[in-house]
C-alpha cells in the first residue's frame, strides 16, 4: 500500500507539472497534495468506524457513520458527517494564504445554526501530504474555553482511508473515526441547512 501512496503523490506532482510546467511541480507543497487527495473524492460517500472515543460519547454508539465529500470548490471543501439519522455536522476545509483551515458547522434540523458553531483551527506548519493538524483558533477558545488545547487532525491515505481525529493534550480526550475509501456507499441526503 505504501508503494501505491508514493505512486499517487508522484502522479499528482506529474499532473501539476503537465498543467503548469516543471517549475510548478517543484512548488507543490504537502498541503497541495493533501488538498487534491481529498478533492479526488468529491461526490463520493464512505462508511466509517469509531477507532477510539474517550471519554465515551454515546451519541456515536451503534450508529451508522457516513462521510460525504459533498461540495468541492477551488478553496473550500464541505464534508458532511452523518451519525445515524443525525445530519447536523459538516466539516469545512478551506485554503487560506497561510495554509489550511478546518471549521465545524453544526445545524439544527430546521437548518438554523447551533449555539456552538464555526469552531476549529488553522494549520501552523506545512504538515504532511497525508495529514494536517489544526490547533484550536482564538474564536474556538472564546466560544469553548475547555477546547483551548484542542488539536484536530485530518488524515487521508489515498485508496485506503480518511480519518478525522481530535485530541486534547493534558486530558484523556481522544476521538478518531476512520472511513474506508475502498468501499464507497450511496451518498446520503443533504445535511441539515443545505
Protein backbone atom coordinates (compact mmCIF):
# COMPACT_ATOMS: atom_id res chain seq x y z
CA UNK A 1 0.00 0.00 0.00
CA UNK A 2 2.92 2.35 0.69
CA UNK A 3 4.05 1.90 -2.93
CA UNK A 4 0.55 2.95 -4.03
CA UNK A 5 0.74 6.11 -1.91
CA UNK A 6 4.15 7.03 -3.28
CA UNK A 7 2.89 6.46 -6.83
CA UNK A 8 -0.16 8.61 -6.11
CA UNK A 9 1.97 11.52 -4.86
CA UNK A 10 4.30 11.24 -7.84
CA UNK A 11 1.32 11.15 -10.19
CA UNK A 12 -0.16 14.25 -8.54
CA UNK A 13 3.13 16.10 -8.92
CA UNK A 14 3.37 14.94 -12.54
CA UNK A 15 -0.13 16.15 -13.32
CA UNK A 16 0.68 19.57 -11.95
CA UNK A 17 3.89 19.58 -13.94
CA UNK A 18 1.98 18.75 -17.13
CA UNK A 19 -0.52 21.50 -16.42
CA UNK A 20 1.86 24.24 -15.42
CA UNK A 21 5.40 23.37 -16.42
CA UNK A 22 8.17 21.65 -14.48
CA UNK A 23 8.77 24.62 -12.21
CA UNK A 24 5.24 24.44 -10.82
CA UNK A 25 5.72 20.78 -9.83
CA UNK A 26 8.60 21.78 -7.59
CA UNK A 27 6.31 24.31 -5.89
CA UNK A 28 3.70 21.71 -4.98
CA UNK A 29 3.54 21.52 -1.20
CA UNK A 30 2.46 18.75 1.14
CA UNK A 31 -0.73 20.77 1.71
CA UNK A 32 -1.38 20.86 -2.05
CA UNK A 33 -1.09 17.09 -2.30
CA UNK A 34 -3.31 16.69 0.78
CA UNK A 35 -5.90 19.06 -0.71
CA UNK A 36 -6.01 17.36 -4.11
CA UNK A 37 -6.22 13.92 -2.47
CA UNK A 38 -9.48 14.99 -0.82
CA UNK A 39 -10.74 16.75 -3.96
CA UNK A 40 -10.36 13.42 -5.80
CA UNK A 41 -13.13 12.04 -3.54
CA UNK A 42 -15.66 14.73 -4.44
CA UNK A 43 -19.19 13.41 -4.77
CA UNK A 44 -18.41 10.14 -3.03
CA UNK A 45 -19.51 8.85 0.38
CA UNK A 46 -17.80 6.28 2.61
CA UNK A 47 -18.68 4.24 5.72
CA UNK A 48 -16.94 4.96 9.00
CA UNK A 49 -15.84 3.17 12.14
CA UNK A 50 -15.00 4.69 15.52
CA UNK A 51 -11.41 3.74 16.38
CA UNK A 52 -11.34 5.45 19.76
CA UNK A 53 -13.76 7.66 21.67
CA UNK A 54 -12.52 8.71 25.10
CA UNK A 55 -14.29 9.52 27.26
CA UNK A 56 -17.11 7.52 25.60
CA UNK A 57 -19.73 9.64 23.84
CA UNK A 58 -22.99 7.68 23.49
CA UNK A 59 -24.01 9.84 20.51
CA UNK A 60 -21.79 7.62 18.33
CA UNK A 61 -22.65 4.23 19.84
CA UNK A 62 -24.04 1.68 17.39
CA UNK A 63 -24.83 4.33 14.76
CA UNK A 64 -24.14 4.11 11.04
CA UNK A 65 -21.39 6.62 10.25
CA UNK A 66 -21.00 8.11 6.77
CA UNK A 67 -18.84 10.94 5.43
CA UNK A 68 -19.78 12.55 2.12
CA UNK A 69 -17.31 14.73 0.23
CA UNK A 70 -20.26 16.76 -1.00
CA UNK A 71 -19.00 20.12 -2.24
CA UNK A 72 -15.60 20.88 -3.74
CA UNK A 73 -14.66 24.41 -4.74
CA UNK A 74 -11.16 25.70 -5.51
CA UNK A 75 -10.66 26.97 -1.95
CA UNK A 76 -13.32 25.12 0.06
CA UNK A 77 -14.40 21.52 0.61
CA UNK A 78 -17.56 20.61 2.55
CA UNK A 79 -17.75 17.16 4.10
CA UNK A 80 -20.96 16.27 5.94
CA UNK A 81 -20.52 13.66 8.69
CA UNK A 82 -23.75 11.71 9.24
CA UNK A 83 -24.27 9.86 12.52
CA UNK A 84 -27.30 7.61 12.12
CA UNK A 85 -30.20 9.92 11.21
CA UNK A 86 -28.36 12.96 12.65
CA UNK A 87 -27.32 15.20 9.74
CA UNK A 88 -26.19 18.15 11.89
CA UNK A 89 -22.41 18.01 11.29
CA UNK A 90 -20.34 19.31 8.36
CA UNK A 91 -16.57 19.67 8.27
CA UNK A 92 -15.44 22.63 6.19
CA UNK A 93 -11.86 22.72 4.90
CA UNK A 94 -10.58 26.00 3.44
CA UNK A 95 -7.40 27.10 1.74
CA UNK A 96 -6.02 30.37 3.10
CA UNK A 97 -2.94 32.46 2.35
CA UNK A 98 -1.33 30.96 5.44
CA UNK A 99 -2.27 27.29 4.97
CA UNK A 100 -5.46 25.35 5.65
CA UNK A 101 -8.37 25.95 7.99
CA UNK A 102 -10.87 23.47 9.47
CA UNK A 103 -14.29 24.62 10.67
CA UNK A 104 -17.17 22.67 12.20
CA UNK A 105 -20.64 23.65 11.00
CA UNK A 106 -23.40 22.40 13.32
CA UNK A 107 -27.07 22.83 12.36
CA UNK A 108 -30.45 22.05 13.87
CA UNK A 109 -32.90 20.01 11.83
CA UNK A 110 -34.64 23.22 10.70
CA UNK A 111 -31.31 24.42 9.25
CA UNK A 112 -30.60 27.07 11.87
CA UNK A 113 -27.11 27.24 13.41
CA UNK A 114 -26.46 25.60 16.76
CA UNK A 115 -25.10 27.86 19.51
CA UNK A 116 -21.74 26.05 19.38
CA UNK A 117 -20.84 26.50 15.73
CA UNK A 118 -17.98 27.63 13.49
CA UNK A 119 -15.20 26.43 15.79
CA UNK A 120 -11.99 24.84 14.55
CA UNK A 121 -8.43 25.76 13.81
CA UNK A 122 -5.74 26.67 11.31
CA UNK A 123 -2.56 24.82 10.34
CA UNK A 124 0.60 26.25 11.88
CA UNK A 125 3.07 24.38 9.69
CA UNK A 126 3.35 22.51 6.40
CA UNK A 127 2.10 19.21 7.82
CA UNK A 128 2.34 16.17 5.59
CA UNK A 129 0.79 15.06 2.31
CA UNK A 130 -1.30 12.53 4.28
CA UNK A 131 -2.22 14.53 7.38
CA UNK A 132 -2.75 18.08 8.56
CA UNK A 133 -3.17 19.35 12.13
CA UNK A 134 -5.49 22.18 13.14
CA UNK A 135 -4.86 23.60 16.66
CA UNK A 136 -7.81 25.49 18.14
CA UNK A 137 -8.02 29.11 16.99
CA UNK A 138 -8.86 32.20 19.03
CA UNK A 139 -12.56 32.08 18.12
CA UNK A 140 -12.75 28.49 19.37
CA UNK A 141 -11.04 29.42 22.63
CA UNK A 142 -13.53 32.26 23.20
CA UNK A 143 -16.52 30.05 22.27
CA UNK A 144 -15.43 26.87 24.09
CA UNK A 145 -12.75 27.67 26.71
CA UNK A 146 -12.34 23.98 27.57
CA UNK A 147 -11.26 23.36 23.95
CA UNK A 148 -8.31 25.77 24.10
CA UNK A 149 -5.80 22.92 23.75
CA UNK A 150 -7.77 21.01 21.10
CA UNK A 151 -5.89 19.73 18.07
CA UNK A 152 -7.92 18.32 15.19
CA UNK A 153 -6.22 16.17 12.57
CA UNK A 154 -7.45 15.14 9.14
CA UNK A 155 -5.64 12.20 7.60
CA UNK A 156 -6.03 10.82 4.09
CA UNK A 157 -4.25 7.77 2.74
CA UNK A 158 -5.38 7.62 -0.90
CA UNK A 159 -7.05 4.36 -1.82
CA UNK A 160 -7.14 3.30 1.83
CA UNK A 161 -8.77 5.57 4.42
CA UNK A 162 -9.78 9.07 5.50
CA UNK A 163 -9.68 9.83 9.23
CA UNK A 164 -10.90 12.67 11.45
CA UNK A 165 -9.27 12.95 14.86
CA UNK A 166 -9.47 15.12 17.95
CA UNK A 167 -7.08 15.15 20.87
CA UNK A 168 -6.85 17.46 23.86
CA UNK A 169 -3.31 17.31 25.30
CA UNK A 170 -3.23 17.12 29.09
CA UNK A 171 -6.55 15.23 29.21
CA UNK A 172 -7.86 11.81 28.21
CA UNK A 173 -9.99 13.36 25.43
CA UNK A 174 -9.37 11.38 22.24
CA UNK A 175 -11.60 10.70 19.24
CA UNK A 176 -10.83 9.04 15.92
CA UNK A 177 -13.18 7.91 13.18
CA UNK A 178 -11.88 6.22 10.03
CA UNK A 179 -13.70 5.95 6.71
CA UNK A 180 -12.97 3.09 4.33
CA UNK A 181 -12.10 4.56 0.93
CA UNK A 182 -12.21 1.13 -0.68
CA UNK A 183 -15.96 0.81 -0.07
CA UNK A 184 -17.98 3.77 -1.39
CA UNK A 185 -21.65 3.89 -0.39
CA UNK A 186 -24.71 5.67 -1.73
CA UNK A 187 -24.41 9.39 -0.86
CA UNK A 188 -26.76 10.32 1.99
CA UNK A 189 -29.33 13.14 1.90
CA UNK A 190 -28.09 16.71 2.25
CA UNK A 191 -27.02 17.79 5.72
CA UNK A 192 -29.41 19.96 7.67
CA UNK A 193 -29.29 23.56 6.50
CA UNK A 194 -28.11 22.72 2.97
